Structure formats: C-alpha cells, structure tokens
Amino acid sequence: MKNILVPTDFSKNSWNAITYVLQLFKHEDSRFYLLNTYTPTVYHIEYVLRESAQFGMYNVVRENALNELNYFKTRIEKEFNNPKHTIETIAAFNSLVPEIKTIVEDKHIDYVVMGTKGATGAKEILFGSNTVHVLTDVNCPVLAIPNNFEFEPLHEVLFTTDYGISYKPYQIKPIIDIISLTNARVNILHLTYGYDLSEFQKRNKKILDGHFKKITHLFHNVSNQTVEEGITNFQLKTRINLLVMLKNKRSFFENLFFKNTINQIGFHLNVPFLVIPTLP
C-alpha cells in the first residue's frame, strides 16, 4: 500500500497533478491524502482571541476548504472509480511546508505530488514558489507535474548524477518502485568537465549499477555542459517521461544552487520530475 500526499489549491494545475498520479498508480493499492492548507496573510493570535468575529471568519474559510476537498474527492471517485484507491481529505490551518512535514511523518508518506508551472502572475509565482520550497525542504520523495502535462506511461527515465554519494537502498527504492510500474528504462546521465572519475566516483557508479541490476539501464556521459544544458540536450535526442534528481542538502549554498537548478529545469523542460532526498 502506497501512501501519497497531494497538496491542492483547487486550481486546474493541482487537479492536473492529481489526475497524473492517479493514472501513474492505477494498478497499485494506494491511499491518497488530498491536503489544503489555509492561513491569513497576517495572523495575530492575540487578536483572534480578543475578537470572536475572527473565529467566524476562519470557520468559513475552513468550511470552504472542506467543501472544495469533498468536491475533488467526489470527482475522483466518479471519474476514476478505482477500487484499489482510497481517498482521504485534510484541511489544515497551517503553512504548507510545516503541515506537509507533519503529515509525511504521521502518515508514513511515500510520495508528495504537486503541480508546478512557469511564473506568469501572482498566483502562479506563489504556487510555484511553494512547490520549490516543498522540493527543497521536505524530506520525502516529491513528484512535480508541469501544468497541462498529459499523462503518458513511463518508458524512458532520466536520472542525473555526479556519482558524488554512496547510494543507499532507501534512496533508490522510490525510483525503482515508480519505474517498476511500467518497466521503464533508466538513463543514468553523468555530467563531466573533462576529468576522469575518481576512485570514489567509480565505486559509487558500481553501487548504482548494482541497485539497478534488475532494471534496464544505460550509463551516459556528457562533457562541458551545465546541468540544464545536459538535460535539455538529452531530451532532444531521447523523449524522456520522467526526470529524477537526488537532493544533497549539505549547505546553504548547495541548497540555493539546487533551487536555481530546479527553477531553470522546470522552466525549460516540460516533463515530470522526481526529487529524492539523500537523508532518511
């Protein structure tokens, strides 16, 4: 049984992410948690305690959230009608990332699934920013679905790596679980600047090869290209259905680089991507 958390702001973009993951796990016993968080722009607890009218306002907001969640749940059950899937709803008075972290731990979430799209207006910027914050700050595999991306079965998966870590089973398992849904092929892309692999990198490549021994996989090397260029150029030659990246959050600067990379890739590449944390 997979436990999958799907935050939603009730937009067309988030509904698209919901329909994608429902189809991706069509044949898997899965429990989906639809989450909506709501907070005012400025919140002062003392004011709320003093002004009883505020409680009425928040009750209305909560009722609206519950109604929208129930509508999405009913729509899912009507349009997909999958006996393998269980749908639960959560409306939380909290900020998005803290609430996701809590649910991930309490519900033993396997994947968080969100929509993402280019910033063309205030709402899009906000939701896009939320998606990036979840990708970088939540210690759980996150699957991001581009706006208007229509579901297609996985055939070619692109996994980018610098062979910079000793890959652990818990890091690779979420990738294998998704790949195994359709027996997709994994293309392991290493970006280099002309230097030979160190002994440490060679050892990590061998470890990675062992993890994917039961999965069809190919190793690729690309020289003198940025991460964005390497991924984009590979996509031009081989139509990939999913991009996989490992998040190695060791410092502020590495985290900042990762955010910038995700933003650039999300802007240029119209393909779902899965981000795996390197910490358990």
C-alpha atoms as a PDB file:
ATOM      1  CA  MET A   1       0.000   0.000   0.000  1.00  0.00           C
ATOM      2  CA  LYS A   2       1.452   3.349  -1.070  1.00  0.00           C
ATOM      3  CA  ASN A   3       0.622   6.472   0.936  1.00  0.00           C
ATOM      4  CA  ILE A   4       0.630   9.514  -1.344  1.00  0.00           C
ATOM      5  CA  LEU A   5       0.119  13.123  -0.265  1.00  0.00           C
ATOM      6  CA  VAL A   6      -1.279  15.548  -2.834  1.00  0.00           C
ATOM      7  CA  PRO A   7      -1.449  19.204  -1.714  1.00  0.00           C
ATOM      8  CA  THR A   8      -4.019  21.192  -3.673  1.00  0.00           C
ATOM      9  CA  ASP A   9      -5.031  24.835  -4.007  1.00  0.00           C
ATOM     10  CA  PHE A  10      -8.070  23.698  -6.059  1.00  0.00           C
ATOM     11  CA  SER A  11      -6.579  25.108  -9.236  1.00  0.00           C
ATOM     12  CA  LYS A  12      -6.601  23.454 -12.647  1.00  0.00           C
ATOM     13  CA  ASN A  13      -2.878  22.976 -12.184  1.00  0.00           C
ATOM     14  CA  SER A  14      -3.270  20.964  -8.989  1.00  0.00           C
ATOM     15  CA  TRP A  15      -6.123  18.905 -10.471  1.00  0.00           C
ATOM     16  CA  ASN A  16      -3.799  18.015 -13.333  1.00  0.00           C
ATOM     17  CA  ALA A  17      -1.251  16.703 -10.812  1.00  0.00           C
ATOM     18  CA  ILE A  18      -3.967  14.654  -9.118  1.00  0.00           C
ATOM     19  CA  THR A  19      -5.097  13.037 -12.361  1.00  0.00           C
ATOM     20  CA  TYR A  20      -1.491  12.266 -13.293  1.00  0.00           C
ATOM     21  CA  VAL A  21      -0.670  10.415 -10.089  1.00  0.00           C
ATOM     22  CA  LEU A  22      -3.999   8.546 -10.086  1.00  0.00           C
ATOM     23  CA  GLN A  23      -3.123   7.166 -13.510  1.00  0.00           C
ATOM     24  CA  LEU A  24       0.512   6.523 -12.631  1.00  0.00           C
ATOM     25  CA  PHE A  25      -0.513   4.319  -9.681  1.00  0.00           C
ATOM     26  CA  LYS A  26      -3.603   2.963 -11.410  1.00  0.00           C
ATOM     27  CA  HIS A  27      -2.743  -0.674 -10.701  1.00  0.00           C
ATOM     28  CA  GLU A  28      -1.286  -0.139  -7.213  1.00  0.00           C
ATOM     29  CA  ASP A  29      -3.136  -0.287  -3.902  1.00  0.00           C
ATOM     30  CA  SER A  30      -2.774   3.326  -2.769  1.00  0.00           C
ATOM     31  CA  ARG A  31      -4.113   5.748  -0.211  1.00  0.00           C
ATOM     32  CA  PHE A  32      -4.228   9.362  -1.405  1.00  0.00           C
ATOM     33  CA  TYR A  33      -4.375  12.256   1.032  1.00  0.00           C
ATOM     34  CA  LEU A  34      -5.728  15.461  -0.503  1.00  0.00           C
ATOM     35  CA  LEU A  35      -4.381  18.383   1.516  1.00  0.00           C
ATOM     36  CA  ASN A  36      -5.399  22.020   1.572  1.00  0.00           C
ATOM     37  CA  THR A  37      -3.756  24.481   3.938  1.00  0.00           C
ATOM     38  CA  TYR A  38      -5.188  27.889   4.696  1.00  0.00           C
ATOM     39  CA  THR A  39      -3.740  30.845   6.580  1.00  0.00           C
ATOM     40  CA  PRO A  40      -4.493  34.568   6.548  1.00  0.00           C
ATOM     41  CA  THR A  41      -1.921  36.960   5.131  1.00  0.00           C
ATOM     42  CA  VAL A  42      -1.265  38.330   8.625  1.00  0.00           C
ATOM     43  CA  TYR A  43      -2.198  36.281  11.673  1.00  0.00           C
ATOM     44  CA  HIS A  44      -2.060  37.554  15.276  1.00  0.00           C
ATOM     45  CA  ILE A  45      -3.196  35.042  17.882  1.00  0.00           C
ATOM     46  CA  GLU A  46      -3.952  37.732  20.452  1.00  0.00           C
ATOM     47  CA  TYR A  47      -6.302  39.448  18.007  1.00  0.00           C
ATOM     48  CA  VAL A  48      -8.113  36.218  17.299  1.00  0.00           C
ATOM     49  CA  LEU A  49      -8.546  35.512  20.993  1.00  0.00           C
ATOM     50  CA  ARG A  50      -9.884  39.003  21.552  1.00  0.00           C
ATOM     51  CA  GLU A  51     -12.196  39.236  18.544  1.00  0.00           C
ATOM     52  CA  SER A  52     -14.781  36.458  18.436  1.00  0.00           C
ATOM     53  CA  ALA A  53     -15.773  37.548  14.914  1.00  0.00           C
ATOM     54  CA  GLN A  54     -12.429  36.227  13.729  1.00  0.00           C
ATOM     55  CA  PHE A  55     -13.494  32.708  14.678  1.00  0.00           C
ATOM     56  CA  GLY A  56     -16.440  33.028  12.342  1.00  0.00           C
ATOM     57  CA  MET A  57     -14.167  34.099   9.513  1.00  0.00           C
ATOM     58  CA  TYR A  58     -11.850  31.130   9.998  1.00  0.00           C
ATOM     59  CA  ASN A  59     -14.798  28.762  10.279  1.00  0.00           C
ATOM     60  CA  VAL A  60     -15.991  29.991   6.891  1.00  0.00           C
ATOM     61  CA  VAL A  61     -12.539  29.514   5.393  1.00  0.00           C
ATOM     62  CA  ARG A  62     -12.333  26.008   6.825  1.00  0.00           C
ATOM     63  CA  GLU A  63     -15.801  25.105   5.546  1.00  0.00           C
ATOM     64  CA  ASN A  64     -14.866  26.341   2.078  1.00  0.00           C
ATOM     65  CA  ALA A  65     -11.705  24.233   2.150  1.00  0.00           C
ATOM     66  CA  LEU A  66     -13.634  21.134   3.264  1.00  0.00           C
ATOM     67  CA  ASN A  67     -16.292  21.672   0.601  1.00  0.00           C
ATOM     68  CA  GLU A  68     -13.679  22.008  -2.142  1.00  0.00           C
ATOM     69  CA  LEU A  69     -11.829  18.920  -0.904  1.00  0.00           C
ATOM     70  CA  ASN A  70     -15.030  16.895  -0.836  1.00  0.00           C
ATOM     71  CA  TYR A  71     -15.813  18.082  -4.359  1.00  0.00           C
ATOM     72  CA  PHE A  72     -12.388  16.897  -5.554  1.00  0.00           C
ATOM     73  CA  LYS A  73     -12.840  13.579  -3.728  1.00  0.00           C
ATOM     74  CA  THR A  74     -16.272  13.018  -5.289  1.00  0.00           C
ATOM     75  CA  ARG A  75     -14.937  13.962  -8.703  1.00  0.00           C
ATOM     76  CA  ILE A  76     -12.056  11.484  -8.364  1.00  0.00           C
ATOM     77  CA  GLU A  77     -14.357   8.670  -7.302  1.00  0.00           C
ATOM     78  CA  LYS A  78     -16.753   9.430 -10.152  1.00  0.00           C
ATOM     79  CA  GLU A  79     -14.200   9.862 -12.957  1.00  0.00           C
ATOM     80  CA  PHE A  80     -11.715   7.161 -11.951  1.00  0.00           C
ATOM     81  CA  ASN A  81     -13.739   4.736  -9.802  1.00  0.00           C
ATOM     82  CA  ASN A  82     -10.675   2.694  -8.857  1.00  0.00           C
ATOM     83  CA  PRO A  83     -11.276   0.102  -6.097  1.00  0.00           C
ATOM     84  CA  LYS A  84      -7.532  -0.008  -5.447  1.00  0.00           C
ATOM     85  CA  HIS A  85      -7.538   3.654  -4.365  1.00  0.00           C
ATOM     86  CA  THR A  86      -8.675   5.205  -1.099  1.00  0.00           C
ATOM     87  CA  ILE A  87      -9.141   8.987  -0.943  1.00  0.00           C
ATOM     88  CA  GLU A  88      -8.880  10.946   2.309  1.00  0.00           C
ATOM     89  CA  THR A  89      -9.065  14.718   2.774  1.00  0.00           C
ATOM     90  CA  ILE A  90      -7.205  17.045   5.145  1.00  0.00           C
ATOM     91  CA  ALA A  91      -7.951  20.747   5.693  1.00  0.00           C
ATOM     92  CA  ALA A  92      -5.328  22.349   7.931  1.00  0.00           C
ATOM     93  CA  PHE A  93      -4.920  25.818   9.387  1.00  0.00           C
ATOM     94  CA  ASN A  94      -1.183  25.943   8.840  1.00  0.00           C
ATOM     95  CA  SER A  95       1.513  26.916   6.383  1.00  0.00           C
ATOM     96  CA  LEU A  96       2.080  24.421   3.589  1.00  0.00           C
ATOM     97  CA  VAL A  97       5.598  23.125   4.251  1.00  0.00           C
ATOM     98  CA  PRO A  98       5.244  22.602   8.043  1.00  0.00           C
ATOM     99  CA  GLU A  99       1.946  20.792   7.506  1.00  0.00           C
ATOM    100  CA  ILE A 100       3.419  18.553   4.815  1.00  0.00           C
ATOM    101  CA  LYS A 101       6.337  17.675   7.098  1.00  0.00           C
ATOM    102  CA  THR A 102       3.920  16.671   9.862  1.00  0.00           C
ATOM    103  CA  ILE A 103       1.756  14.542   7.566  1.00  0.00           C
ATOM    104  CA  VAL A 104       4.772  12.884   5.946  1.00  0.00           C
ATOM    105  CA  GLU A 105       5.866  11.660   9.368  1.00  0.00           C
ATOM    106  CA  ASP A 106       2.437  10.835  10.823  1.00  0.00           C
ATOM    107  CA  LYS A 107       1.018   9.083   7.761  1.00  0.00           C
ATOM    108  CA  HIS A 108       4.256   7.442   6.572  1.00  0.00           C
ATOM    109  CA  ILE A 109       4.003   9.148   3.197  1.00  0.00           C
ATOM    110  CA  ASP A 110       5.869   7.548   0.287  1.00  0.00           C
ATOM    111  CA  TYR A 111       5.495  10.417  -2.207  1.00  0.00           C
ATOM    112  CA  VAL A 112       4.359  14.034  -2.191  1.00  0.00           C
ATOM    113  CA  VAL A 113       2.850  15.052  -5.536  1.00  0.00           C
ATOM    114  CA  MET A 114       2.446  18.672  -6.651  1.00  0.00           C
ATOM    115  CA  GLY A 115       1.818  20.709  -9.762  1.00  0.00           C
ATOM    116  CA  THR A 116       4.268  23.303 -10.998  1.00  0.00           C
ATOM    117  CA  LYS A 117       4.289  25.853 -13.802  1.00  0.00           C
ATOM    118  CA  GLY A 118       6.048  28.955 -15.056  1.00  0.00           C
ATOM    119  CA  ALA A 119       5.549  32.238 -13.248  1.00  0.00           C
ATOM    120  CA  THR A 120       3.140  34.350 -15.290  1.00  0.00           C
ATOM    121  CA  GLY A 121       1.228  36.049 -12.500  1.00  0.00           C
ATOM    122  CA  ALA A 122       0.962  36.496  -8.751  1.00  0.00           C
ATOM    123  CA  LYS A 123      -0.880  33.231  -8.126  1.00  0.00           C
ATOM    124  CA  GLU A 124       1.482  31.236 -10.319  1.00  0.00           C
ATOM    125  CA  ILE A 125       4.525  32.752  -8.621  1.00  0.00           C
ATOM    126  CA  LEU A 126       3.139  31.865  -5.209  1.00  0.00           C
ATOM    127  CA  PHE A 127       2.276  28.287  -6.066  1.00  0.00           C
ATOM    128  CA  GLY A 128       5.497  27.830  -7.992  1.00  0.00           C
ATOM    129  CA  SER A 129       7.439  29.072  -5.001  1.00  0.00           C
ATOM    130  CA  ASN A 130       5.539  26.667  -2.741  1.00  0.00           C
ATOM    131  CA  THR A 131       6.437  23.771  -4.996  1.00  0.00           C
ATOM    132  CA  VAL A 132      10.135  24.656  -4.916  1.00  0.00           C
ATOM    133  CA  HIS A 133      10.054  25.025  -1.118  1.00  0.00           C
ATOM    134  CA  VAL A 134       8.499  21.572  -0.808  1.00  0.00           C
ATOM    135  CA  LEU A 135      11.087  20.106  -3.173  1.00  0.00           C
ATOM    136  CA  THR A 136      13.967  21.540  -1.169  1.00  0.00           C
ATOM    137  CA  ASP A 137      12.663  21.438   2.411  1.00  0.00           C
ATOM    138  CA  VAL A 138      10.551  18.281   2.734  1.00  0.00           C
ATOM    139  CA  ASN A 139      12.450  15.076   3.485  1.00  0.00           C
ATOM    140  CA  CYS A 140      10.320  12.842   1.284  1.00  0.00           C
ATOM    141  CA  PRO A 141      10.325  11.966  -2.423  1.00  0.00           C
ATOM    142  CA  VAL A 142       8.487  14.732  -4.274  1.00  0.00           C
ATOM    143  CA  LEU A 143       6.956  14.294  -7.718  1.00  0.00           C
ATOM    144  CA  ALA A 144       6.338  17.585  -9.558  1.00  0.00           C
ATOM    145  CA  ILE A 145       3.966  17.649 -12.539  1.00  0.00           C
ATOM    146  CA  PRO A 146       4.127  20.506 -15.098  1.00  0.00           C
ATOM    147  CA  ASN A 147       0.960  22.390 -15.886  1.00  0.00           C
ATOM    148  CA  ASN A 148      -1.079  20.869 -18.748  1.00  0.00           C
ATOM    149  CA  PHE A 149       1.196  17.825 -18.919  1.00  0.00           C
ATOM    150  CA  GLU A 150      -0.970  14.935 -20.083  1.00  0.00           C
ATOM    151  CA  PHE A 151      -0.303  11.567 -18.544  1.00  0.00           C
ATOM    152  CA  GLU A 152       1.784   9.145 -20.547  1.00  0.00           C
ATOM    153  CA  PRO A 153       3.141   5.768 -19.411  1.00  0.00           C
ATOM    154  CA  LEU A 154       6.763   5.794 -18.353  1.00  0.00           C
ATOM    155  CA  HIS A 155       9.147   4.456 -20.986  1.00  0.00           C
ATOM    156  CA  GLU A 156      12.345   6.474 -20.588  1.00  0.00           C
ATOM    157  CA  VAL A 157      13.511   7.827 -17.231  1.00  0.00           C
ATOM    158  CA  LEU A 158      16.479  10.188 -16.933  1.00  0.00           C
ATOM    159  CA  PHE A 159      18.471  10.039 -13.691  1.00  0.00           C
ATOM    160  CA  THR A 160      21.141  12.731 -13.342  1.00  0.00           C
ATOM    161  CA  THR A 161      24.104  12.134 -11.065  1.00  0.00           C
ATOM    162  CA  ASP A 162      27.677  13.180 -10.348  1.00  0.00           C
ATOM    163  CA  TYR A 163      28.415   9.899  -8.528  1.00  0.00           C
ATOM    164  CA  GLY A 164      29.102  12.057  -5.505  1.00  0.00           C
ATOM    165  CA  ILE A 165      27.407   9.895  -2.884  1.00  0.00           C
ATOM    166  CA  SER A 166      27.348   6.229  -1.912  1.00  0.00           C
ATOM    167  CA  TYR A 167      23.795   5.380  -2.924  1.00  0.00           C
ATOM    168  CA  LYS A 168      21.715   3.708  -0.232  1.00  0.00           C
ATOM    169  CA  PRO A 169      18.782   1.372  -0.840  1.00  0.00           C
ATOM    170  CA  TYR A 170      16.288   3.821   0.728  1.00  0.00           C
ATOM    171  CA  GLN A 171      17.370   6.469  -1.812  1.00  0.00           C
ATOM    172  CA  ILE A 172      16.948   4.203  -4.828  1.00  0.00           C
ATOM    173  CA  LYS A 173      13.808   2.306  -3.760  1.00  0.00           C
ATOM    174  CA  PRO A 174      11.358   5.187  -4.533  1.00  0.00           C
ATOM    175  CA  ILE A 175      12.846   5.371  -8.025  1.00  0.00           C
ATOM    176  CA  ILE A 176      12.640   1.626  -8.624  1.00  0.00           C
ATOM    177  CA  ASP A 177       9.071   1.492  -7.288  1.00  0.00           C
ATOM    178  CA  ILE A 178       7.931   4.038  -9.873  1.00  0.00           C
ATOM    179  CA  ILE A 179       9.991   2.563 -12.712  1.00  0.00           C
ATOM    180  CA  SER A 180       8.583  -0.886 -11.978  1.00  0.00           C
ATOM    181  CA  LEU A 181       5.050   0.364 -12.613  1.00  0.00           C
ATOM    182  CA  THR A 182       5.700   0.195 -16.369  1.00  0.00           C
ATOM    183  CA  ASN A 183       9.119  -1.496 -16.672  1.00  0.00           C
ATOM    184  CA  ALA A 184      10.653   1.747 -17.904  1.00  0.00           C
ATOM    185  CA  ARG A 185      14.301   2.110 -18.871  1.00  0.00           C
ATOM    186  CA  VAL A 186      16.637   4.251 -16.760  1.00  0.00           C
ATOM    187  CA  ASN A 187      19.142   6.531 -18.476  1.00  0.00           C
ATOM    188  CA  ILE A 188      21.830   7.490 -15.958  1.00  0.00           C
ATOM    189  CA  LEU A 189      23.374  10.781 -17.046  1.00  0.00           C
ATOM    190  CA  HIS A 190      26.721  11.937 -15.692  1.00  0.00           C
ATOM    191  CA  LEU A 191      27.816  15.485 -16.465  1.00  0.00           C
ATOM    192  CA  THR A 192      31.567  15.953 -16.538  1.00  0.00           C
ATOM    193  CA  TYR A 193      34.017  18.741 -17.295  1.00  0.00           C
ATOM    194  CA  GLY A 194      36.653  16.530 -18.848  1.00  0.00           C
ATOM    195  CA  TYR A 195      38.011  14.941 -15.668  1.00  0.00           C
ATOM    196  CA  ASP A 196      38.206  11.194 -15.170  1.00  0.00           C
ATOM    197  CA  LEU A 197      36.094   9.663 -12.431  1.00  0.00           C
ATOM    198  CA  SER A 198      37.809   9.460  -9.054  1.00  0.00           C
ATOM    199  CA  GLU A 199      38.030   6.121  -7.265  1.00  0.00           C
ATOM    200  CA  PHE A 200      35.209   7.311  -5.006  1.00  0.00           C
ATOM    201  CA  GLN A 201      33.011   8.095  -8.011  1.00  0.00           C
ATOM    202  CA  LYS A 202      33.854   4.789  -9.691  1.00  0.00           C
ATOM    203  CA  ARG A 203      32.857   2.944  -6.545  1.00  0.00           C
ATOM    204  CA  ASN A 204      29.569   4.850  -6.352  1.00  0.00           C
ATOM    205  CA  LYS A 205      28.836   4.149 -10.014  1.00  0.00           C
ATOM    206  CA  LYS A 206      29.345   0.443  -9.336  1.00  0.00           C
ATOM    207  CA  ILE A 207      26.982   0.654  -6.352  1.00  0.00           C
ATOM    208  CA  LEU A 208      24.375   2.373  -8.539  1.00  0.00           C
ATOM    209  CA  ASP A 209      24.798  -0.289 -11.204  1.00  0.00           C
ATOM    210  CA  GLY A 210      24.089  -2.918  -8.565  1.00  0.00           C
ATOM    211  CA  HIS A 211      20.924  -1.171  -7.358  1.00  0.00           C
ATOM    212  CA  PHE A 212      19.532  -1.179 -10.902  1.00  0.00           C
ATOM    213  CA  LYS A 213      20.663  -4.727 -11.770  1.00  0.00           C
ATOM    214  CA  LYS A 214      17.043  -5.884 -12.248  1.00  0.00           C
ATOM    215  CA  ILE A 215      16.087  -2.719 -14.158  1.00  0.00           C
ATOM    216  CA  THR A 216      17.018  -1.990 -17.779  1.00  0.00           C
ATOM    217  CA  HIS A 217      19.501   0.869 -17.536  1.00  0.00           C
ATOM    218  CA  LEU A 218      22.146   2.688 -19.566  1.00  0.00           C
ATOM    219  CA  PHE A 219      25.017   4.937 -18.498  1.00  0.00           C
ATOM    220  CA  HIS A 220      25.670   8.186 -20.378  1.00  0.00           C
ATOM    221  CA  ASN A 221      28.478  10.737 -20.054  1.00  0.00           C
ATOM    222  CA  VAL A 222      28.149  14.334 -21.255  1.00  0.00           C
ATOM    223  CA  SER A 223      31.079  16.754 -21.213  1.00  0.00           C
ATOM    224  CA  ASN A 224      31.268  20.517 -20.722  1.00  0.00           C
ATOM    225  CA  GLN A 225      27.564  21.235 -20.299  1.00  0.00           C
ATOM    226  CA  THR A 226      25.624  22.680 -17.424  1.00  0.00           C
ATOM    227  CA  VAL A 227      23.001  20.539 -15.718  1.00  0.00           C
ATOM    228  CA  GLU A 228      20.238  22.390 -17.579  1.00  0.00           C
ATOM    229  CA  GLU A 229      22.014  22.069 -20.950  1.00  0.00           C
ATOM    230  CA  GLY A 230      22.808  18.401 -20.465  1.00  0.00           C
ATOM    231  CA  ILE A 231      19.227  17.506 -19.542  1.00  0.00           C
ATOM    232  CA  THR A 232      17.698  19.616 -22.299  1.00  0.00           C
ATOM    233  CA  ASN A 233      20.005  18.231 -24.989  1.00  0.00           C
ATOM    234  CA  PHE A 234      19.390  14.664 -23.853  1.00  0.00           C
ATOM    235  CA  GLN A 235      15.647  15.298 -24.057  1.00  0.00           C
ATOM    236  CA  LEU A 236      16.053  16.414 -27.660  1.00  0.00           C
ATOM    237  CA  LYS A 237      17.543  13.024 -28.560  1.00  0.00           C
ATOM    238  CA  THR A 238      15.506  10.758 -26.316  1.00  0.00           C
ATOM    239  CA  ARG A 239      11.947  11.566 -25.289  1.00  0.00           C
ATOM    240  CA  ILE A 240      12.029  11.100 -21.520  1.00  0.00           C
ATOM    241  CA  ASN A 241       8.867  10.732 -19.444  1.00  0.00           C
ATOM    242  CA  LEU A 242      10.383  11.390 -16.030  1.00  0.00           C
ATOM    243  CA  LEU A 243      13.424  13.235 -14.696  1.00  0.00           C
ATOM    244  CA  VAL A 244      14.951  12.024 -11.417  1.00  0.00           C
ATOM    245  CA  MET A 245      17.306  14.036  -9.237  1.00  0.00           C
ATOM    246  CA  LEU A 246      18.817  13.397  -5.817  1.00  0.00           C
ATOM    247  CA  LYS A 247      18.837  16.305  -3.399  1.00  0.00           C
ATOM    248  CA  ASN A 248      22.050  16.549  -1.413  1.00  0.00           C
ATOM    249  CA  LYS A 249      21.245  19.244   1.120  1.00  0.00           C
ATOM    250  CA  ARG A 250      24.543  19.782   2.875  1.00  0.00           C
ATOM    251  CA  SER A 251      24.866  23.559   2.953  1.00  0.00           C
ATOM    252  CA  PHE A 252      23.016  26.786   2.280  1.00  0.00           C
ATOM    253  CA  PHE A 253      24.909  27.359  -0.965  1.00  0.00           C
ATOM    254  CA  GLU A 254      24.246  23.848  -2.278  1.00  0.00           C
ATOM    255  CA  ASN A 255      20.587  24.245  -1.389  1.00  0.00           C
ATOM    256  CA  LEU A 256      20.488  27.583  -3.211  1.00  0.00           C
ATOM    257  CA  PHE A 257      22.119  26.002  -6.271  1.00  0.00           C
ATOM    258  CA  PHE A 258      19.556  23.196  -6.180  1.00  0.00           C
ATOM    259  CA  LYS A 259      16.663  25.681  -6.052  1.00  0.00           C
ATOM    260  CA  ASN A 260      18.058  27.606  -9.016  1.00  0.00           C
ATOM    261  CA  THR A 261      18.586  24.375 -10.968  1.00  0.00           C
ATOM    262  CA  ILE A 262      15.032  23.218 -10.278  1.00  0.00           C
ATOM    263  CA  ASN A 263      13.651  26.591 -11.365  1.00  0.00           C
ATOM    264  CA  GLN A 264      15.633  26.524 -14.612  1.00  0.00           C
ATOM    265  CA  ILE A 265      14.707  22.913 -15.403  1.00  0.00           C
ATOM    266  CA  GLY A 266      11.068  23.499 -14.545  1.00  0.00           C
ATOM    267  CA  PHE A 267      11.006  26.486 -16.849  1.00  0.00           C
ATOM    268  CA  HIS A 268      12.670  24.849 -19.855  1.00  0.00           C
ATOM    269  CA  LEU A 269      11.678  21.187 -19.592  1.00  0.00           C
ATOM    270  CA  ASN A 270       8.029  20.154 -19.798  1.00  0.00           C
ATOM    271  CA  VAL A 271       8.365  16.789 -18.084  1.00  0.00           C
ATOM    272  CA  PRO A 272       7.512  15.472 -14.588  1.00  0.00           C
ATOM    273  CA  PHE A 273      10.439  15.267 -12.239  1.00  0.00           C
ATOM    274  CA  LEU A 274      11.031  13.267  -9.093  1.00  0.00           C
ATOM    275  CA  VAL A 275      13.310  14.640  -6.376  1.00  0.00           C
ATOM    276  CA  ILE A 276      14.707  12.177  -3.866  1.00  0.00           C
ATOM    277  CA  PRO A 277      16.210  13.315  -0.519  1.00  0.00           C
ATOM    278  CA  THR A 278      19.569  11.849   0.374  1.00  0.00           C
ATOM    279  CA  LEU A 279      18.770  11.724   4.076  1.00  0.00           C
ATOM    280  CA  PRO A 280      16.461   9.010   5.509  1.00  0.00           C
END
